[in-house]
Amino acid sequence: MATPDKNGTPSIDSVSLAIIEQLQEDGRRPYAAIGKAVGLSEAAVRQRVQKLLDQGVMQIVAVTDPLTVGFRRQAMVGINVNGDLDPVADALTGMDEVEYVVVTAGSFDLLIEIVCEDDDHLLETINKRIRTLPGVRSTESFVYLKLRKQTYTWGTR
């Protein structure tokens, strides 16, 4: 089970990790099949999965390949900010093109990944929407030429 540790962070036992691993391989795998693989009943697996979802330990989502659904341009953008990062991070979080926002230590204050339909859409997003946000001092874009690896197996291997 996922029980909070002394800091309130869920601590996950080996059976729950095995359930997560099963779902990472196939998010539609039946609870009965997961139960057989991890040594629990279907009902026990259902309960554990619901608890993991409720605690925010995991999500079950459909992950698309942006290229196959019409988004031909992806980029990582490093952003430097004057002053408080939170308003800029909040504004970026609200943009549909932005897949994730990370506050960092190092050369950039924020790193974001954006997914766009094409180069014109990428240019418009960076130039007209990101660079014009109050507090944005500079951006540096890293356009993806080819995605070689993308996994979602954190914490189980």
C-alpha atoms as a PDB file:
ATOM      1  CA  MET A   1       0.000   0.000   0.000  1.00  0.00           C
ATOM      2  CA  ALA A   2       0.957   3.659  -0.189  1.00  0.00           C
ATOM      3  CA  THR A   3       1.149   4.949   3.356  1.00  0.00           C
ATOM      4  CA  PRO A   4       2.495   8.403   4.227  1.00  0.00           C
ATOM      5  CA  ASP A   5       5.973   8.567   5.762  1.00  0.00           C
ATOM      6  CA  LYS A   6       6.932  11.037   8.514  1.00  0.00           C
ATOM      7  CA  ASN A   7       7.048  13.862   5.925  1.00  0.00           C
ATOM      8  CA  GLY A   8       3.601  13.017   4.542  1.00  0.00           C
ATOM      9  CA  THR A   9       5.031  11.588   1.308  1.00  0.00           C
ATOM     10  CA  PRO A  10       3.394   8.298   0.270  1.00  0.00           C
ATOM     11  CA  SER A  11       5.701   5.341   0.903  1.00  0.00           C
ATOM     12  CA  ILE A  12       4.937   2.569  -1.572  1.00  0.00           C
ATOM     13  CA  ASP A  13       5.380  -1.100  -0.764  1.00  0.00           C
ATOM     14  CA  SER A  14       6.749  -3.679  -3.208  1.00  0.00           C
ATOM     15  CA  VAL A  15       3.294  -5.015  -4.156  1.00  0.00           C
ATOM     16  CA  SER A  16       2.025  -1.561  -5.088  1.00  0.00           C
ATOM     17  CA  LEU A  17       5.208  -0.976  -7.088  1.00  0.00           C
ATOM     18  CA  ALA A  18       4.565  -4.253  -8.921  1.00  0.00           C
ATOM     19  CA  ILE A  19       0.996  -3.123  -9.693  1.00  0.00           C
ATOM     20  CA  ILE A  20       2.298   0.194 -11.019  1.00  0.00           C
ATOM     21  CA  GLU A  21       4.827  -1.654 -13.168  1.00  0.00           C
ATOM     22  CA  GLN A  22       2.066  -3.835 -14.625  1.00  0.00           C
ATOM     23  CA  LEU A  23       0.021  -0.729 -15.500  1.00  0.00           C
ATOM     24  CA  GLN A  24       3.068   1.011 -17.005  1.00  0.00           C
ATOM     25  CA  GLU A  25       3.414  -1.915 -19.397  1.00  0.00           C
ATOM     26  CA  ASP A  26      -0.296  -1.824 -20.280  1.00  0.00           C
ATOM     27  CA  GLY A  27      -2.631   0.717 -18.706  1.00  0.00           C
ATOM     28  CA  ARG A  28      -5.634  -1.366 -19.807  1.00  0.00           C
ATOM     29  CA  ARG A  29      -4.435  -4.620 -18.239  1.00  0.00           C
ATOM     30  CA  PRO A  30      -7.343  -6.263 -16.380  1.00  0.00           C
ATOM     31  CA  TYR A  31      -7.206  -6.246 -12.581  1.00  0.00           C
ATOM     32  CA  ALA A  32      -7.532 -10.039 -12.586  1.00  0.00           C
ATOM     33  CA  ALA A  33      -4.369 -10.373 -14.714  1.00  0.00           C
ATOM     34  CA  ILE A  34      -2.518  -7.896 -12.495  1.00  0.00           C
ATOM     35  CA  GLY A  35      -3.670  -9.794  -9.420  1.00  0.00           C
ATOM     36  CA  LYS A  36      -2.335 -13.043 -10.829  1.00  0.00           C
ATOM     37  CA  ALA A  37       1.027 -11.409 -11.578  1.00  0.00           C
ATOM     38  CA  VAL A  38       1.413  -9.823  -8.128  1.00  0.00           C
ATOM     39  CA  GLY A  39      -0.323 -12.433  -5.959  1.00  0.00           C
ATOM     40  CA  LEU A  40      -3.489 -10.530  -5.005  1.00  0.00           C
ATOM     41  CA  SER A  41      -7.181 -10.917  -5.708  1.00  0.00           C
ATOM     42  CA  GLU A  42      -8.839  -8.790  -8.370  1.00  0.00           C
ATOM     43  CA  ALA A  43     -10.685  -6.853  -5.632  1.00  0.00           C
ATOM     44  CA  ALA A  44      -7.458  -6.155  -3.721  1.00  0.00           C
ATOM     45  CA  VAL A  45      -5.788  -4.853  -6.888  1.00  0.00           C
ATOM     46  CA  ARG A  46      -8.802  -2.627  -7.619  1.00  0.00           C
ATOM     47  CA  GLN A  47      -8.594  -1.202  -4.084  1.00  0.00           C
ATOM     48  CA  ARG A  48      -4.866  -0.553  -4.284  1.00  0.00           C
ATOM     49  CA  VAL A  49      -5.119   1.074  -7.717  1.00  0.00           C
ATOM     50  CA  GLN A  50      -7.892   3.363  -6.488  1.00  0.00           C
ATOM     51  CA  LYS A  51      -5.856   4.333  -3.430  1.00  0.00           C
ATOM     52  CA  LEU A  52      -2.784   5.067  -5.589  1.00  0.00           C
ATOM     53  CA  LEU A  53      -4.949   7.238  -7.841  1.00  0.00           C
ATOM     54  CA  ASP A  54      -6.607   9.017  -4.903  1.00  0.00           C
ATOM     55  CA  GLN A  55      -3.237   9.768  -3.291  1.00  0.00           C
ATOM     56  CA  GLY A  56      -1.853  11.202  -6.544  1.00  0.00           C
ATOM     57  CA  VAL A  57       0.885   8.565  -6.662  1.00  0.00           C
ATOM     58  CA  MET A  58      -0.032   7.741 -10.272  1.00  0.00           C
ATOM     59  CA  GLN A  59      -2.387   8.582 -13.109  1.00  0.00           C
ATOM     60  CA  ILE A  60      -3.697   6.335 -15.827  1.00  0.00           C
ATOM     61  CA  VAL A  61      -3.673   8.248 -19.112  1.00  0.00           C
ATOM     62  CA  ALA A  62      -3.476   7.689 -22.848  1.00  0.00           C
ATOM     63  CA  VAL A  63      -0.139   8.936 -24.158  1.00  0.00           C
ATOM     64  CA  THR A  64      -0.144   9.978 -27.790  1.00  0.00           C
ATOM     65  CA  ASP A  65       2.715  10.376 -30.219  1.00  0.00           C
ATOM     66  CA  PRO A  66       2.476  14.079 -31.154  1.00  0.00           C
ATOM     67  CA  LEU A  67       3.648  13.404 -34.712  1.00  0.00           C
ATOM     68  CA  THR A  68       0.782  11.030 -35.431  1.00  0.00           C
ATOM     69  CA  VAL A  69      -1.863  13.491 -34.220  1.00  0.00           C
ATOM     70  CA  GLY A  70      -0.670  16.503 -36.223  1.00  0.00           C
ATOM     71  CA  PHE A  71       1.915  18.129 -33.949  1.00  0.00           C
ATOM     72  CA  ARG A  72       5.112  18.145 -35.982  1.00  0.00           C
ATOM     73  CA  ARG A  73       7.264  20.423 -33.841  1.00  0.00           C
ATOM     74  CA  GLN A  74       8.442  19.937 -30.262  1.00  0.00           C
ATOM     75  CA  ALA A  75      10.936  22.031 -28.351  1.00  0.00           C
ATOM     76  CA  MET A  76      12.458  22.461 -24.937  1.00  0.00           C
ATOM     77  CA  VAL A  77      12.629  26.124 -23.947  1.00  0.00           C
ATOM     78  CA  GLY A  78      14.882  27.482 -21.220  1.00  0.00           C
ATOM     79  CA  ILE A  79      13.532  30.678 -19.679  1.00  0.00           C
ATOM     80  CA  ASN A  80      15.203  33.259 -17.455  1.00  0.00           C
ATOM     81  CA  VAL A  81      12.952  35.432 -15.323  1.00  0.00           C
ATOM     82  CA  ASN A  82      13.336  38.763 -13.548  1.00  0.00           C
ATOM     83  CA  GLY A  83      11.834  38.604 -10.067  1.00  0.00           C
ATOM     84  CA  ASP A  84       9.286  36.073  -8.851  1.00  0.00           C
ATOM     85  CA  LEU A  85       9.097  32.873 -10.907  1.00  0.00           C
ATOM     86  CA  ASP A  86       5.586  31.904  -9.806  1.00  0.00           C
ATOM     87  CA  PRO A  87       3.549  34.275 -12.015  1.00  0.00           C
ATOM     88  CA  VAL A  88       5.522  33.244 -15.103  1.00  0.00           C
ATOM     89  CA  ALA A  89       5.287  29.536 -14.235  1.00  0.00           C
ATOM     90  CA  ASP A  90       1.548  29.902 -13.628  1.00  0.00           C
ATOM     91  CA  ALA A  91       1.023  31.647 -16.986  1.00  0.00           C
ATOM     92  CA  LEU A  92       3.000  28.954 -18.810  1.00  0.00           C
ATOM     93  CA  THR A  93       1.037  26.222 -17.061  1.00  0.00           C
ATOM     94  CA  GLY A  94      -2.140  27.677 -18.581  1.00  0.00           C
ATOM     95  CA  MET A  95      -0.899  27.446 -22.184  1.00  0.00           C
ATOM     96  CA  ASP A  96      -2.199  24.467 -24.177  1.00  0.00           C
ATOM     97  CA  GLU A  97       1.096  24.064 -26.048  1.00  0.00           C
ATOM     98  CA  VAL A  98       3.097  23.682 -22.838  1.00  0.00           C
ATOM     99  CA  GLU A  99       3.410  20.042 -21.770  1.00  0.00           C
ATOM    100  CA  TYR A 100       5.355  20.603 -18.576  1.00  0.00           C
ATOM    101  CA  VAL A 101       6.935  23.379 -16.570  1.00  0.00           C
ATOM    102  CA  VAL A 102       9.930  22.775 -14.315  1.00  0.00           C
ATOM    103  CA  VAL A 103      11.536  25.248 -11.909  1.00  0.00           C
ATOM    104  CA  THR A 104      15.272  24.641 -12.115  1.00  0.00           C
ATOM    105  CA  ALA A 105      18.586  25.606 -10.588  1.00  0.00           C
ATOM    106  CA  GLY A 106      21.293  26.344 -13.103  1.00  0.00           C
ATOM    107  CA  SER A 107      21.453  28.241 -16.375  1.00  0.00           C
ATOM    108  CA  PHE A 108      17.673  28.688 -16.602  1.00  0.00           C
ATOM    109  CA  ASP A 109      15.015  29.531 -14.052  1.00  0.00           C
ATOM    110  CA  LEU A 110      12.377  27.472 -15.871  1.00  0.00           C
ATOM    111  CA  LEU A 111      12.421  24.679 -18.424  1.00  0.00           C
ATOM    112  CA  ILE A 112       9.317  23.958 -20.454  1.00  0.00           C
ATOM    113  CA  GLU A 113       8.431  21.518 -23.196  1.00  0.00           C
ATOM    114  CA  ILE A 114       6.134  22.763 -25.919  1.00  0.00           C
ATOM    115  CA  VAL A 115       4.350  20.837 -28.645  1.00  0.00           C
ATOM    116  CA  CYS A 116       3.211  22.736 -31.747  1.00  0.00           C
ATOM    117  CA  GLU A 117       1.654  21.966 -35.110  1.00  0.00           C
ATOM    118  CA  ASP A 118       4.534  23.398 -37.145  1.00  0.00           C
ATOM    119  CA  ASP A 119       7.352  25.965 -37.159  1.00  0.00           C
ATOM    120  CA  ASP A 120       4.940  28.910 -37.556  1.00  0.00           C
ATOM    121  CA  HIS A 121       2.980  27.760 -34.508  1.00  0.00           C
ATOM    122  CA  LEU A 122       6.241  27.316 -32.571  1.00  0.00           C
ATOM    123  CA  LEU A 123       7.422  30.808 -33.520  1.00  0.00           C
ATOM    124  CA  GLU A 124       4.087  32.377 -32.571  1.00  0.00           C
ATOM    125  CA  THR A 125       4.054  30.557 -29.222  1.00  0.00           C
ATOM    126  CA  ILE A 126       7.579  31.563 -28.264  1.00  0.00           C
ATOM    127  CA  ASN A 127       7.684  35.067 -29.755  1.00  0.00           C
ATOM    128  CA  LYS A 128       4.161  36.351 -29.144  1.00  0.00           C
ATOM    129  CA  ARG A 129       3.078  34.450 -26.032  1.00  0.00           C
ATOM    130  CA  ILE A 130       6.099  33.362 -23.968  1.00  0.00           C
ATOM    131  CA  ARG A 131       8.576  36.200 -24.547  1.00  0.00           C
ATOM    132  CA  THR A 132       5.869  38.794 -23.929  1.00  0.00           C
ATOM    133  CA  LEU A 133       4.984  37.489 -20.467  1.00  0.00           C
ATOM    134  CA  PRO A 134       5.803  40.033 -17.747  1.00  0.00           C
ATOM    135  CA  GLY A 135       9.032  38.980 -16.026  1.00  0.00           C
ATOM    136  CA  VAL A 136      10.466  36.918 -18.886  1.00  0.00           C
ATOM    137  CA  ARG A 137      14.023  38.174 -19.416  1.00  0.00           C
ATOM    138  CA  SER A 138      15.221  35.696 -22.046  1.00  0.00           C
ATOM    139  CA  THR A 139      14.486  32.373 -23.710  1.00  0.00           C
ATOM    140  CA  GLU A 140      16.599  29.748 -25.425  1.00  0.00           C
ATOM    141  CA  SER A 141      14.898  27.168 -27.609  1.00  0.00           C
ATOM    142  CA  PHE A 142      16.058  23.630 -28.266  1.00  0.00           C
ATOM    143  CA  VAL A 143      14.054  22.262 -31.196  1.00  0.00           C
ATOM    144  CA  TYR A 144      13.685  18.498 -31.228  1.00  0.00           C
ATOM    145  CA  LEU A 145      15.012  16.918 -34.407  1.00  0.00           C
ATOM    146  CA  LYS A 146      14.292  13.335 -33.370  1.00  0.00           C
ATOM    147  CA  LEU A 147      12.961  11.753 -30.207  1.00  0.00           C
ATOM    148  CA  ARG A 148      15.105   8.733 -29.379  1.00  0.00           C
ATOM    149  CA  LYS A 149      13.645   7.656 -26.043  1.00  0.00           C
ATOM    150  CA  GLN A 150      10.619   8.483 -23.940  1.00  0.00           C
ATOM    151  CA  THR A 151       9.513   6.315 -21.044  1.00  0.00           C
ATOM    152  CA  TYR A 152       7.109   6.564 -18.154  1.00  0.00           C
ATOM    153  CA  THR A 153       8.568   3.916 -15.859  1.00  0.00           C
ATOM    154  CA  TRP A 154       9.899   6.148 -13.074  1.00  0.00           C
ATOM    155  CA  GLY A 155      10.223   4.542  -9.705  1.00  0.00           C
ATOM    156  CA  THR A 156       9.711   0.922 -10.628  1.00  0.00           C
ATOM    157  CA  ARG A 157      12.931  -0.118 -12.346  1.00  0.00           C
END
